[in-house]
Amino acid sequence: MIELLPTVHPALILSAGAILVALLPRRWRPWGFVLAAVLAGAAVLGLKDGTTWNYDFYGIELTPLRVDRLSLVFAYVFTIALLAGGIFGLRTMGAIERPSALIYAASAFGVVLAGDLITLFFFWELKVAGSALLVLARRTPASAAAGMRYLFVSLGGGIVLLGGISWWIVQTGSIEFDNLGLAGGASALILGGFLISAAAVPLHAWMPDAYPAATVAGTVFLAAFTSKAAIYALARGFPGTTALVWVGVVMALWGVIYALAVNDTRRILVYSSVSQGGFMIAAIGVGSALAVDGAVSHAFAHIVYKGLLLMAVGAILWSTGHTRLTRLGGVGRILPVVAVLYMVGALSIGGIPIFSGFVAKEMSALAIEDGGFGWAYWLLKLASVGTLIVVVFRLPWFAFMGRSSSASPGDAAGDLALRRSVPVSMYVAMAGLAMVNVVIGLWPTLLYRLLPGEALDYEPFTIYRITNAMALTLGALAAFWLGRRLLVGRPITVHDTDWVYRGLPQRLAPAWNRLRTPSLALRLPHLRDLPVWSPTLWVSGVVVLGVLATVLAVGMLT
């Protein structure tokens, strides 16, 4: 916070920036994006703890700006992610991506700074629109299908959230967004809407489906804003909801198991995000001041190190055109700087001392253990070992140090050829995030001072915690080395819960066609020309309408 700066809502600056970037000549658009990010960062620095804006909307008093320590820490890290992502995409982002990313970021700031449920919902749905465009902006059949699936799942979650907010307002007469607690059907629906956006199992499959389908820069933005805005909403509205502890444990284990199974590097990292989100949600479920601080610090560090990891594999995709482990052997020899920067992010997510993950993740684990959730603590430790195996050992070993299975037998190096070089802007963005990870790891008080409880004098650098981290690392290394032949990755399809709306309609189609019903294609000859995602459109539409009918029915009955 800088006292001399005026109080301006960052969402206003970013919304204006989106319009400006869309209208600027092509050569000025990248720098217009960076300028909007810098100005939004200045606006965040000008926010003062305790500031609120109230607005009378036809007799309803809205609070579009409510600044406190919880909202500020998310605003700070969102600023870092926005600026780093803008620099990373200077050379790669297209005409649709830049305005979409700015609107998306504006909505994320709007969510974390909203003081009432109506404002929260407005920005929540705006966030869906901006993020869906980032997926569609890649302009491939796969991204079109994934973008539409993402859009309809998100809209379904929005309907659940809207139903819960409407019910809550009728039930309580209040629109204030603070600790809601799980006290009835209305709050349960709100919690469900938040959990869908947080990628809670089994409502998580949209994330590993959509994020890897986006552009190289779009994936970085997606990983920073959608699920972390949901983590903020859970920390604000449902701290101490015990059920979240076990939701988080299931997420942590589920995500790491799938990360061990899939072959695409970006999907590996996105599944690890599902797992890491489980740690945060479990800590929120404990609800103590230390637990909330742990969840928030973990979210902060996760945005920084996962952004770095996704930038690294994005740079590889940009340069080689490949993301599968089975096609990427020897990349470390042709892109050594990318490999080194990736390892900074990997050591951070692995919780290695002097990196950001170590000073953030262990706080959550301590709070969960102190809260009396012994089984949850040890299961999360097991998930931590899985994270080390996946991100620190498996992906670097087979992608950077191994030999591509697609290389010719006579090629001793087994390296892929570079299609194009990595732009300097990508290196600058990755180096910046790597520096943030190291600085936080060396001087954790810089992060702890931002937390709502200021980490309650938590001391990360104790002999026990350092020894524990190194023991987990050595155990994970031994497990990986013994099982490395099973972890090489295979180019196969790994089904997740999204099979219900992706695979099931195709399985039912033959049975449907055998029915003696009038053919819709006879009446609509153009039906065969619809895009590949049209079955998903129908299935998702039915799901959305079904959710809406259920919400309305429950509300009327109560």
Protein backbone atom coordinates (compact mmCIF):
# COMPACT_ATOMS: atom_id res chain seq x y z
CA MET A 1 0.00 0.00 0.00
CA ILE A 2 1.29 3.43 -0.96
CA GLU A 3 -0.51 6.29 0.75
CA LEU A 4 0.01 8.84 -2.03
CA LEU A 5 -1.72 6.72 -4.69
CA PRO A 6 -5.46 7.32 -5.24
CA THR A 7 -8.00 4.60 -4.51
CA VAL A 8 -9.10 3.16 -7.84
CA HIS A 9 -10.72 -0.20 -8.46
CA PRO A 10 -8.29 -2.31 -10.55
CA ALA A 11 -11.21 -3.81 -12.47
CA LEU A 12 -12.05 -0.38 -13.88
CA ILE A 13 -8.52 0.10 -15.19
CA LEU A 14 -8.38 -3.37 -16.72
CA SER A 15 -11.81 -3.04 -18.34
CA ALA A 16 -10.77 0.26 -19.91
CA GLY A 17 -7.48 -1.35 -20.90
CA ALA A 18 -9.32 -4.17 -22.66
CA ILE A 19 -11.25 -1.69 -24.79
CA LEU A 20 -8.11 0.32 -25.52
CA VAL A 21 -6.07 -2.74 -26.49
CA ALA A 22 -8.82 -3.88 -28.84
CA LEU A 23 -8.76 -0.51 -30.62
CA LEU A 24 -5.00 0.07 -30.75
CA PRO A 25 -2.98 -0.65 -33.90
CA ARG A 26 -1.61 -4.18 -33.93
CA ARG A 27 1.99 -3.24 -33.10
CA TRP A 28 0.96 -1.28 -29.98
CA ARG A 29 -1.38 -3.89 -28.51
CA PRO A 30 1.28 -5.89 -26.60
CA TRP A 31 2.58 -2.76 -24.90
CA GLY A 32 -0.97 -1.54 -24.24
CA PHE A 33 -1.56 -4.80 -22.36
CA VAL A 34 1.59 -4.38 -20.27
CA LEU A 35 0.69 -0.76 -19.54
CA ALA A 36 -2.80 -1.80 -18.36
CA ALA A 37 -1.21 -4.42 -16.08
CA VAL A 38 1.24 -1.87 -14.63
CA LEU A 39 -1.56 0.66 -13.98
CA ALA A 40 -3.70 -2.04 -12.37
CA GLY A 41 -0.72 -2.89 -10.15
CA ALA A 42 -0.41 0.75 -9.15
CA ALA A 43 -4.12 0.76 -8.31
CA VAL A 44 -3.64 -2.33 -6.12
CA LEU A 45 -0.77 -0.62 -4.31
CA GLY A 46 -3.09 2.32 -3.68
CA LEU A 47 -5.76 0.20 -1.99
CA LYS A 48 -5.99 0.86 1.73
CA ASP A 49 -7.05 -1.74 4.26
CA GLY A 50 -10.56 -0.92 5.46
CA THR A 51 -11.63 1.02 2.36
CA THR A 52 -15.14 0.32 1.05
CA TRP A 53 -17.24 1.70 -1.77
CA ASN A 54 -21.01 1.52 -1.44
CA TYR A 55 -23.49 2.05 -4.26
CA ASP A 56 -27.26 2.27 -4.01
CA PHE A 57 -28.76 0.18 -6.82
CA TYR A 58 -32.54 0.70 -6.76
CA GLY A 59 -32.66 0.39 -3.00
CA ILE A 60 -30.05 -2.39 -2.76
CA GLU A 61 -26.77 -1.27 -1.25
CA LEU A 62 -23.97 -2.90 -3.19
CA THR A 63 -20.33 -2.95 -2.12
CA PRO A 64 -18.22 -3.20 -5.28
CA LEU A 65 -15.03 -2.51 -3.32
CA ARG A 66 -14.19 -3.97 0.08
CA VAL A 67 -10.51 -3.97 0.98
CA ASP A 68 -9.07 -6.04 3.81
CA ARG A 69 -6.01 -8.20 4.33
CA LEU A 70 -7.59 -11.30 2.78
CA SER A 71 -8.61 -9.53 -0.41
CA LEU A 72 -5.34 -7.59 -0.65
CA VAL A 73 -3.05 -10.62 -0.66
CA PHE A 74 -4.97 -12.11 -3.60
CA ALA A 75 -4.95 -8.75 -5.38
CA TYR A 76 -1.17 -8.57 -5.01
CA VAL A 77 -0.52 -12.02 -6.47
CA PHE A 78 -3.07 -11.50 -9.25
CA THR A 79 -1.08 -8.40 -10.22
CA ILE A 80 2.12 -10.44 -10.40
CA ALA A 81 0.43 -13.11 -12.52
CA LEU A 82 -1.14 -10.56 -14.87
CA LEU A 83 2.09 -8.68 -15.50
CA ALA A 84 4.17 -11.84 -15.91
CA GLY A 85 1.60 -13.38 -18.24
CA GLY A 86 1.44 -10.20 -20.32
CA ILE A 87 5.21 -10.15 -20.75
CA PHE A 88 5.27 -13.89 -21.51
CA GLY A 89 2.69 -13.43 -24.27
CA LEU A 90 4.17 -10.31 -25.87
CA ARG A 91 5.08 -12.24 -29.02
CA THR A 92 2.43 -14.96 -28.94
CA MET A 93 -0.92 -13.49 -27.93
CA GLY A 94 -3.45 -12.73 -30.65
CA ALA A 95 -6.17 -10.16 -31.19
CA ILE A 96 -8.78 -12.04 -29.15
CA GLU A 97 -6.47 -13.09 -26.33
CA ARG A 98 -5.33 -9.73 -25.03
CA PRO A 99 -8.74 -8.08 -24.45
CA SER A 100 -10.10 -11.39 -23.15
CA ALA A 101 -7.23 -11.77 -20.69
CA LEU A 102 -7.71 -8.21 -19.41
CA ILE A 103 -11.46 -8.71 -18.92
CA TYR A 104 -10.74 -12.04 -17.27
CA ALA A 105 -8.24 -10.42 -14.90
CA ALA A 106 -10.66 -7.56 -14.20
CA SER A 107 -13.33 -10.07 -13.18
CA ALA A 108 -10.88 -11.92 -10.90
CA PHE A 109 -10.02 -8.65 -9.15
CA GLY A 110 -13.75 -7.91 -8.95
CA VAL A 111 -14.38 -11.23 -7.20
CA VAL A 112 -11.72 -10.79 -4.52
CA LEU A 113 -12.68 -7.16 -3.86
CA ALA A 114 -16.47 -7.68 -3.82
CA GLY A 115 -18.17 -6.99 -0.51
CA ASP A 116 -21.61 -8.39 -1.41
CA LEU A 117 -22.96 -11.50 -3.08
CA ILE A 118 -24.59 -9.72 -6.02
CA THR A 119 -21.37 -7.99 -7.07
CA LEU A 120 -19.54 -11.26 -6.52
CA PHE A 121 -21.89 -13.10 -8.88
CA PHE A 122 -21.61 -10.42 -11.56
CA PHE A 123 -17.83 -10.70 -11.68
CA TRP A 124 -18.00 -14.49 -11.28
CA GLU A 125 -19.95 -14.84 -14.52
CA LEU A 126 -17.83 -12.24 -16.32
CA LYS A 127 -14.86 -14.39 -15.37
CA VAL A 128 -16.43 -17.33 -17.19
CA ALA A 129 -16.80 -15.34 -20.41
CA GLY A 130 -13.21 -14.07 -20.42
CA SER A 131 -11.68 -17.44 -19.59
CA ALA A 132 -13.73 -19.33 -22.20
CA LEU A 133 -12.48 -16.96 -24.88
CA LEU A 134 -8.89 -17.73 -23.88
CA VAL A 135 -9.53 -21.41 -24.57
CA LEU A 136 -11.32 -20.75 -27.86
CA ALA A 137 -8.57 -18.35 -28.98
CA ARG A 138 -6.27 -21.22 -29.93
CA ARG A 139 -8.59 -21.83 -32.92
CA THR A 140 -8.21 -25.59 -33.21
CA PRO A 141 -10.97 -28.23 -33.25
CA ALA A 142 -9.73 -29.52 -29.88
CA SER A 143 -9.77 -26.06 -28.27
CA ALA A 144 -13.23 -25.35 -29.74
CA ALA A 145 -14.64 -28.52 -28.22
CA ALA A 146 -12.85 -28.02 -24.88
CA GLY A 147 -13.87 -24.36 -24.76
CA MET A 148 -17.54 -25.17 -25.23
CA ARG A 149 -17.42 -27.92 -22.62
CA TYR A 150 -15.72 -25.51 -20.23
CA LEU A 151 -18.29 -22.83 -20.96
CA PHE A 152 -21.30 -25.02 -20.27
CA VAL A 153 -19.87 -26.61 -17.13
CA SER A 154 -19.03 -23.13 -15.83
CA LEU A 155 -22.50 -21.86 -16.66
CA GLY A 156 -23.97 -24.81 -14.83
CA GLY A 157 -21.86 -23.93 -11.79
CA GLY A 158 -22.99 -20.33 -12.13
CA ILE A 159 -26.63 -21.39 -12.04
CA VAL A 160 -25.98 -23.36 -8.85
CA LEU A 161 -24.29 -20.29 -7.35
CA LEU A 162 -27.11 -17.98 -8.45
CA GLY A 163 -29.71 -20.31 -6.98
CA GLY A 164 -27.85 -20.38 -3.67
CA ILE A 165 -27.39 -16.60 -3.56
CA SER A 166 -31.06 -15.96 -4.38
CA TRP A 167 -32.18 -18.43 -1.77
CA TRP A 168 -29.77 -16.93 0.80
CA ILE A 169 -31.04 -13.40 0.20
CA VAL A 170 -34.68 -14.48 0.56
CA GLN A 171 -33.84 -16.50 3.66
CA THR A 172 -31.66 -13.96 5.49
CA GLY A 173 -32.40 -10.62 3.83
CA SER A 174 -28.66 -9.95 3.62
CA ILE A 175 -26.35 -9.71 0.61
CA GLU A 176 -23.17 -9.29 2.64
CA PHE A 177 -20.38 -11.65 1.65
CA ASP A 178 -18.56 -12.89 4.71
CA ASN A 179 -18.49 -16.16 6.64
CA LEU A 180 -21.67 -17.89 5.48
CA GLY A 181 -21.12 -21.29 7.05
CA LEU A 182 -22.75 -24.52 5.93
CA ALA A 183 -26.10 -24.01 7.65
CA GLY A 184 -28.73 -25.03 5.12
CA GLY A 185 -29.67 -25.52 1.51
CA ALA A 186 -28.85 -21.96 0.41
CA SER A 187 -25.30 -22.01 1.73
CA ALA A 188 -24.85 -25.56 0.42
CA LEU A 189 -25.67 -24.37 -3.11
CA ILE A 190 -23.28 -21.43 -2.77
CA LEU A 191 -20.59 -23.82 -1.55
CA GLY A 192 -21.30 -26.11 -4.51
CA GLY A 193 -20.90 -23.23 -6.95
CA PHE A 194 -17.57 -22.33 -5.39
CA LEU A 195 -16.35 -25.94 -5.43
CA ILE A 196 -17.12 -26.37 -9.13
CA SER A 197 -14.91 -23.38 -9.90
CA ALA A 198 -12.26 -24.68 -7.49
CA ALA A 199 -12.14 -27.97 -9.48
CA ALA A 200 -13.23 -30.13 -6.55
CA VAL A 201 -13.50 -33.83 -7.38
CA PRO A 202 -15.70 -35.11 -9.06
CA LEU A 203 -16.56 -31.68 -10.51
CA HIS A 204 -12.99 -31.02 -11.61
CA ALA A 205 -12.59 -32.55 -15.06
CA TRP A 206 -13.21 -29.26 -16.88
CA MET A 207 -9.81 -28.03 -15.71
CA PRO A 208 -7.50 -30.70 -17.24
CA ASP A 209 -9.79 -30.70 -20.27
CA ALA A 210 -9.80 -26.95 -20.98
CA TYR A 211 -6.52 -25.52 -19.69
CA PRO A 212 -4.16 -27.60 -21.87
CA ALA A 213 -6.31 -26.75 -24.91
CA ALA A 214 -5.69 -23.02 -24.52
CA THR A 215 -2.84 -21.02 -26.01
CA VAL A 216 0.57 -20.98 -24.34
CA ALA A 217 -0.14 -17.66 -22.62
CA GLY A 218 -3.83 -18.38 -22.06
CA THR A 219 -3.02 -21.41 -19.93
CA VAL A 220 -0.90 -19.25 -17.62
CA PHE A 221 -3.78 -16.82 -17.05
CA LEU A 222 -6.30 -19.63 -16.56
CA ALA A 223 -4.16 -21.30 -13.90
CA ALA A 224 -3.79 -18.01 -12.01
CA PHE A 225 -7.34 -16.70 -11.77
CA THR A 226 -10.28 -19.13 -11.96
CA SER A 227 -9.55 -21.68 -9.26
CA LYS A 228 -7.68 -19.19 -7.04
CA ALA A 229 -10.64 -16.80 -7.04
CA ALA A 230 -12.67 -19.80 -5.87
CA ILE A 231 -10.11 -20.52 -3.13
CA TYR A 232 -10.51 -16.92 -1.99
CA ALA A 233 -14.30 -17.31 -1.97
CA LEU A 234 -14.05 -20.48 0.13
CA ALA A 235 -11.62 -18.83 2.56
CA ARG A 236 -14.02 -15.89 2.89
CA GLY A 237 -17.31 -17.76 3.04
CA PHE A 238 -16.64 -21.22 4.48
CA PRO A 239 -13.64 -21.36 6.85
CA GLY A 240 -14.03 -24.14 9.39
CA THR A 241 -16.44 -26.22 7.27
CA THR A 242 -15.11 -29.64 8.27
CA ALA A 243 -16.38 -31.43 5.18
CA LEU A 244 -13.90 -29.42 3.13
CA VAL A 245 -11.01 -31.21 4.83
CA TRP A 246 -11.99 -34.49 3.21
CA VAL A 247 -12.94 -32.83 -0.07
CA GLY A 248 -9.40 -31.48 -0.12
CA VAL A 249 -7.83 -34.84 0.69
CA VAL A 250 -9.69 -36.53 -2.16
CA MET A 251 -8.60 -33.75 -4.54
CA ALA A 252 -4.97 -34.02 -3.46
CA LEU A 253 -4.84 -37.78 -4.06
CA TRP A 254 -7.01 -37.83 -7.19
CA GLY A 255 -5.01 -35.10 -8.90
CA VAL A 256 -1.63 -36.67 -8.24
CA ILE A 257 -2.78 -40.14 -9.38
CA TYR A 258 -3.96 -38.75 -12.70
CA ALA A 259 -0.80 -36.67 -13.03
CA LEU A 260 1.14 -39.92 -12.82
CA ALA A 261 -0.99 -41.46 -15.58
CA VAL A 262 -1.31 -38.81 -18.29
CA ASN A 263 1.25 -38.19 -21.00
CA ASP A 264 0.75 -34.53 -21.96
CA THR A 265 3.02 -32.21 -19.96
CA ARG A 266 0.44 -29.45 -19.61
CA ARG A 267 -2.19 -31.92 -18.43
CA ILE A 268 0.31 -33.28 -15.92
CA LEU A 269 0.77 -29.81 -14.47
CA VAL A 270 -2.96 -29.05 -14.49
CA TYR A 271 -3.74 -32.29 -12.66
CA SER A 272 -1.11 -31.32 -10.13
CA SER A 273 -3.04 -28.05 -9.73
CA VAL A 274 -6.12 -30.08 -8.82
CA SER A 275 -3.99 -31.84 -6.22
CA GLN A 276 -2.50 -28.62 -4.86
CA GLY A 277 -5.95 -27.06 -4.64
CA GLY A 278 -6.88 -29.94 -2.36
CA PHE A 279 -4.23 -28.86 0.16
CA MET A 280 -5.69 -25.34 0.23
CA ILE A 281 -9.30 -26.51 0.57
CA ALA A 282 -8.38 -28.95 3.35
CA ALA A 283 -6.71 -26.12 5.29
CA ILE A 284 -9.77 -23.89 4.82
CA GLY A 285 -11.87 -26.73 6.21
CA VAL A 286 -9.83 -26.66 9.42
CA GLY A 287 -10.63 -22.96 9.69
CA SER A 288 -8.11 -21.81 12.30
CA ALA A 289 -6.22 -18.58 11.76
CA LEU A 290 -3.04 -20.52 10.99
CA ALA A 291 -4.93 -22.82 8.59
CA VAL A 292 -6.43 -19.92 6.65
CA ASP A 293 -3.02 -18.26 6.51
CA GLY A 294 -1.60 -21.54 5.24
CA ALA A 295 -4.24 -21.86 2.52
CA VAL A 296 -3.76 -18.25 1.41
CA SER A 297 0.05 -18.43 1.41
CA HIS A 298 -0.15 -21.72 -0.50
CA ALA A 299 -2.45 -20.08 -3.07
CA PHE A 300 -0.02 -17.16 -3.43
CA ALA A 301 2.98 -19.42 -3.91
CA HIS A 302 1.06 -21.75 -6.20
CA ILE A 303 0.16 -18.96 -8.61
CA VAL A 304 3.82 -17.99 -8.81
CA TYR A 305 5.42 -21.42 -9.19
CA LYS A 306 2.66 -23.00 -11.30
CA GLY A 307 2.78 -19.97 -13.58
CA LEU A 308 6.51 -20.56 -14.00
CA LEU A 309 6.01 -24.28 -14.71
CA LEU A 310 3.30 -23.66 -17.29
CA MET A 311 5.41 -20.96 -18.93
CA ALA A 312 8.28 -23.43 -19.24
CA VAL A 313 6.21 -26.15 -20.91
CA GLY A 314 4.48 -23.45 -22.95
CA ALA A 315 7.86 -22.28 -24.24
CA ILE A 316 8.64 -25.87 -25.17
CA LEU A 317 5.33 -26.16 -27.03
CA TRP A 318 6.01 -22.88 -28.80
CA SER A 319 9.49 -24.01 -29.87
CA THR A 320 8.97 -27.69 -30.67
CA GLY A 321 5.24 -28.02 -31.30
CA HIS A 322 5.00 -30.93 -28.85
CA THR A 323 3.80 -31.38 -25.27
CA ARG A 324 3.76 -35.15 -24.83
CA LEU A 325 6.45 -36.79 -22.73
CA THR A 326 6.92 -39.44 -25.40
CA ARG A 327 7.89 -36.74 -27.92
CA LEU A 328 10.06 -34.50 -25.76
CA GLY A 329 13.19 -36.44 -24.86
CA GLY A 330 16.36 -34.37 -24.84
CA VAL A 331 14.67 -30.96 -24.67
CA GLY A 332 17.02 -29.97 -21.87
CA ARG A 333 19.94 -30.12 -24.28
CA ILE A 334 18.38 -27.75 -26.81
CA LEU A 335 16.56 -25.46 -24.33
CA PRO A 336 18.83 -25.51 -21.25
CA VAL A 337 17.69 -22.17 -19.83
CA VAL A 338 14.05 -23.27 -20.01
CA ALA A 339 14.98 -26.48 -18.22
CA VAL A 340 16.75 -24.58 -15.42
CA LEU A 341 13.83 -22.18 -14.96
CA TYR A 342 11.41 -25.09 -14.95
CA MET A 343 13.39 -26.72 -12.15
CA VAL A 344 13.06 -23.57 -10.01
CA GLY A 345 9.28 -23.96 -10.25
CA ALA A 346 9.52 -27.72 -9.71
CA LEU A 347 11.63 -27.38 -6.56
CA SER A 348 9.15 -24.77 -5.33
CA ILE A 349 6.09 -26.97 -5.78
CA GLY A 350 8.06 -29.84 -4.25
CA GLY A 351 8.52 -27.89 -1.03
CA ILE A 352 12.32 -27.85 -1.14
CA PRO A 353 13.91 -25.40 1.36
CA ILE A 354 14.82 -21.90 0.09
CA PHE A 355 11.97 -22.04 -2.44
CA SER A 356 8.46 -20.61 -2.08
CA GLY A 357 6.58 -23.88 -1.66
CA PHE A 358 8.54 -24.83 1.44
CA VAL A 359 7.59 -21.71 3.38
CA ALA A 360 3.92 -21.86 2.27
CA LYS A 361 2.80 -25.50 2.03
CA GLU A 362 4.07 -26.69 5.41
CA MET A 363 1.96 -24.07 7.17
CA SER A 364 -1.20 -25.77 5.90
CA ALA A 365 0.08 -29.20 6.89
CA LEU A 366 0.90 -28.02 10.42
CA ALA A 367 -2.53 -26.45 10.85
CA ILE A 368 -4.27 -29.63 9.65
CA GLU A 369 -2.26 -31.76 12.06
CA ASP A 370 -2.88 -29.37 14.96
CA GLY A 371 -6.58 -29.35 14.11
CA GLY A 372 -6.83 -33.03 14.98
CA PHE A 373 -7.06 -34.39 11.42
CA GLY A 374 -4.27 -36.94 11.70
CA TRP A 375 -5.41 -39.17 8.85
CA ALA A 376 -5.86 -36.17 6.57
CA TYR A 377 -2.35 -34.98 7.44
CA TRP A 378 -0.69 -38.25 6.47
CA LEU A 379 -2.75 -38.67 3.31
CA LEU A 380 -1.71 -35.17 2.25
CA LYS A 381 1.90 -36.11 2.94
CA LEU A 382 1.40 -39.08 0.61
CA ALA A 383 0.07 -36.68 -2.02
CA SER A 384 3.16 -34.52 -1.48
CA VAL A 385 5.36 -37.50 -2.32
CA GLY A 386 3.31 -37.99 -5.48
CA THR A 387 3.81 -34.34 -6.42
CA LEU A 388 7.56 -34.73 -6.05
CA ILE A 389 7.55 -37.84 -8.21
CA VAL A 390 5.45 -36.20 -10.92
CA VAL A 391 6.77 -32.65 -11.19
CA VAL A 392 10.31 -32.82 -9.81
CA PHE A 393 11.38 -36.20 -11.20
CA ARG A 394 9.06 -37.72 -13.82
CA LEU A 395 8.46 -34.75 -16.12
CA PRO A 396 12.06 -33.41 -16.14
CA TRP A 397 13.59 -36.86 -16.49
CA PHE A 398 11.61 -37.94 -19.53
CA ALA A 399 11.17 -34.53 -21.17
CA PHE A 400 14.54 -32.89 -20.52
CA MET A 401 17.01 -35.72 -19.98
CA GLY A 402 15.51 -38.69 -21.79
CA ARG A 403 15.39 -39.62 -25.44
CA SER A 404 12.36 -38.94 -27.59
CA SER A 405 10.55 -42.11 -28.64
CA SER A 406 9.91 -40.43 -31.99
CA ALA A 407 13.61 -39.91 -32.71
CA SER A 408 15.24 -42.07 -35.33
CA PRO A 409 17.40 -44.97 -34.09
CA GLY A 410 20.52 -43.41 -35.57
CA ASP A 411 20.05 -40.14 -33.72
CA ALA A 412 22.32 -40.44 -30.71
CA ALA A 413 21.00 -37.33 -29.03
CA GLY A 414 17.36 -38.16 -29.60
CA ASP A 415 16.55 -34.45 -29.59
CA LEU A 416 13.68 -32.73 -31.31
CA ALA A 417 14.33 -30.03 -33.84
CA LEU A 418 13.31 -26.50 -32.87
CA ARG A 419 10.63 -25.01 -35.09
CA ARG A 420 11.34 -21.52 -33.75
CA SER A 421 13.34 -19.94 -30.96
CA VAL A 422 11.98 -18.94 -27.59
CA PRO A 423 11.30 -15.16 -27.56
CA VAL A 424 13.29 -13.05 -25.14
CA SER A 425 10.02 -11.88 -23.55
CA MET A 426 9.29 -15.45 -22.48
CA TYR A 427 12.65 -15.73 -20.77
CA VAL A 428 12.09 -12.40 -19.02
CA ALA A 429 8.70 -13.49 -17.66
CA MET A 430 10.02 -16.87 -16.50
CA ALA A 431 13.08 -15.31 -14.89
CA GLY A 432 10.87 -12.82 -13.06
CA LEU A 433 8.65 -15.54 -11.59
CA ALA A 434 11.71 -17.65 -10.72
CA MET A 435 13.11 -14.69 -8.81
CA VAL A 436 9.83 -14.25 -6.90
CA ASN A 437 9.91 -17.94 -5.92
CA VAL A 438 13.45 -17.68 -4.59
CA VAL A 439 12.91 -14.35 -2.81
CA ILE A 440 9.84 -15.68 -1.00
CA GLY A 441 11.71 -18.87 -0.13
CA LEU A 442 14.65 -16.95 1.35
CA TRP A 443 12.68 -14.16 3.05
CA PRO A 444 9.25 -15.62 3.88
CA THR A 445 8.31 -12.70 6.12
CA LEU A 446 7.73 -10.70 2.93
CA LEU A 447 4.80 -13.04 2.28
CA TYR A 448 3.72 -13.59 5.89
CA ARG A 449 3.22 -9.85 6.46
CA LEU A 450 0.55 -9.86 3.76
CA LEU A 451 -1.49 -12.71 5.27
CA PRO A 452 -4.71 -12.08 7.23
CA GLY A 453 -3.18 -13.40 10.46
CA GLU A 454 0.43 -12.57 9.57
CA ALA A 455 1.18 -16.32 9.94
CA LEU A 456 1.00 -16.13 13.75
CA ASP A 457 4.80 -16.07 14.10
CA TYR A 458 5.16 -19.27 12.06
CA GLU A 459 8.83 -20.28 11.67
CA PRO A 460 9.50 -22.46 8.61
CA PHE A 461 13.24 -22.98 8.98
CA THR A 462 13.37 -25.46 11.84
CA ILE A 463 15.51 -28.59 11.87
CA TYR A 464 12.39 -30.79 11.98
CA ARG A 465 10.71 -29.17 8.98
CA ILE A 466 13.86 -29.09 6.86
CA THR A 467 14.62 -32.73 7.70
CA ASN A 468 11.03 -33.71 6.97
CA ALA A 469 11.12 -32.01 3.55
CA MET A 470 14.40 -33.66 2.59
CA ALA A 471 13.17 -37.09 3.77
CA LEU A 472 10.07 -36.77 1.58
CA THR A 473 12.24 -35.74 -1.36
CA LEU A 474 14.62 -38.68 -0.97
CA GLY A 475 11.69 -41.09 -0.56
CA ALA A 476 10.07 -39.74 -3.71
CA LEU A 477 13.37 -40.02 -5.60
CA ALA A 478 13.75 -43.66 -4.56
CA ALA A 479 10.16 -44.45 -5.53
CA PHE A 480 10.58 -42.78 -8.92
CA TRP A 481 13.87 -44.53 -9.69
CA LEU A 482 12.45 -47.94 -8.85
CA GLY A 483 9.31 -47.40 -10.89
CA ARG A 484 10.63 -45.17 -13.67
CA ARG A 485 9.99 -47.73 -16.40
CA LEU A 486 6.29 -47.66 -15.52
CA LEU A 487 6.13 -43.85 -15.53
CA VAL A 488 7.53 -43.10 -18.97
CA GLY A 489 4.08 -42.23 -20.28
CA ARG A 490 2.11 -43.69 -23.15
CA PRO A 491 0.09 -41.90 -25.84
CA ILE A 492 -3.26 -43.23 -24.65
CA THR A 493 -6.51 -41.60 -23.60
CA VAL A 494 -7.00 -41.45 -19.84
CA HIS A 495 -10.67 -41.15 -18.91
CA ASP A 496 -11.81 -38.95 -16.06
CA THR A 497 -15.25 -37.96 -14.76
CA ASP A 498 -15.80 -35.85 -17.89
CA TRP A 499 -16.51 -39.17 -19.63
CA VAL A 500 -20.11 -38.69 -18.45
CA TYR A 501 -20.64 -35.82 -20.89
CA ARG A 502 -17.94 -36.67 -23.45
CA GLY A 503 -17.94 -40.43 -23.92
CA LEU A 504 -21.37 -41.46 -22.67
CA PRO A 505 -23.38 -39.62 -25.39
CA GLN A 506 -21.29 -41.36 -28.07
CA ARG A 507 -21.92 -44.73 -26.42
CA LEU A 508 -25.66 -44.07 -26.29
CA ALA A 509 -25.88 -42.77 -29.84
CA PRO A 510 -26.06 -46.23 -31.54
CA ALA A 511 -28.87 -47.32 -29.25
CA TRP A 512 -30.71 -44.08 -29.92
CA ASN A 513 -30.32 -44.54 -33.66
CA ARG A 514 -31.83 -48.01 -33.46
CA LEU A 515 -35.06 -46.59 -32.11
CA ARG A 516 -37.81 -46.28 -34.70
CA THR A 517 -38.18 -42.54 -34.27
CA PRO A 518 -38.56 -39.90 -36.98
CA SER A 519 -35.11 -38.80 -38.06
CA LEU A 520 -34.28 -35.28 -36.99
CA ALA A 521 -31.74 -35.15 -39.81
CA LEU A 522 -34.55 -35.49 -42.37
CA ARG A 523 -36.16 -32.33 -41.03
CA LEU A 524 -32.86 -30.56 -40.42
CA PRO A 525 -30.53 -31.54 -43.28
CA HIS A 526 -27.78 -29.26 -41.98
CA LEU A 527 -27.57 -31.22 -38.71
CA ARG A 528 -24.69 -33.33 -40.02
CA ASP A 529 -22.66 -30.17 -40.64
CA LEU A 530 -22.77 -28.99 -37.01
CA PRO A 531 -19.39 -28.63 -35.24
CA VAL A 532 -17.81 -31.54 -33.41
CA TRP A 533 -18.80 -30.08 -30.04
CA SER A 534 -22.54 -30.02 -30.81
CA PRO A 535 -23.30 -33.24 -28.82
CA THR A 536 -21.67 -31.58 -25.84
CA LEU A 537 -23.89 -28.55 -26.40
CA TRP A 538 -27.04 -30.66 -26.13
CA VAL A 539 -25.86 -32.67 -23.14
CA SER A 540 -24.61 -29.57 -21.32
CA GLY A 541 -27.85 -27.73 -22.09
CA VAL A 542 -29.86 -30.55 -20.54
CA VAL A 543 -27.60 -30.51 -17.48
CA VAL A 544 -27.91 -26.73 -17.08
CA LEU A 545 -31.70 -26.83 -17.39
CA GLY A 546 -31.87 -29.75 -14.97
CA VAL A 547 -29.79 -27.90 -12.40
CA LEU A 548 -31.95 -24.79 -12.81
CA ALA A 549 -35.16 -26.81 -12.37
CA THR A 550 -33.75 -28.49 -9.26
CA VAL A 551 -32.71 -25.19 -7.70
CA LEU A 552 -36.10 -23.63 -8.36
CA ALA A 553 -37.95 -26.68 -7.05
CA VAL A 554 -35.96 -26.83 -3.83
CA GLY A 555 -36.39 -23.10 -3.31
CA MET A 556 -40.16 -23.30 -3.79
CA LEU A 557 -40.54 -26.28 -1.46
CA THR A 558 -38.67 -24.54 1.33
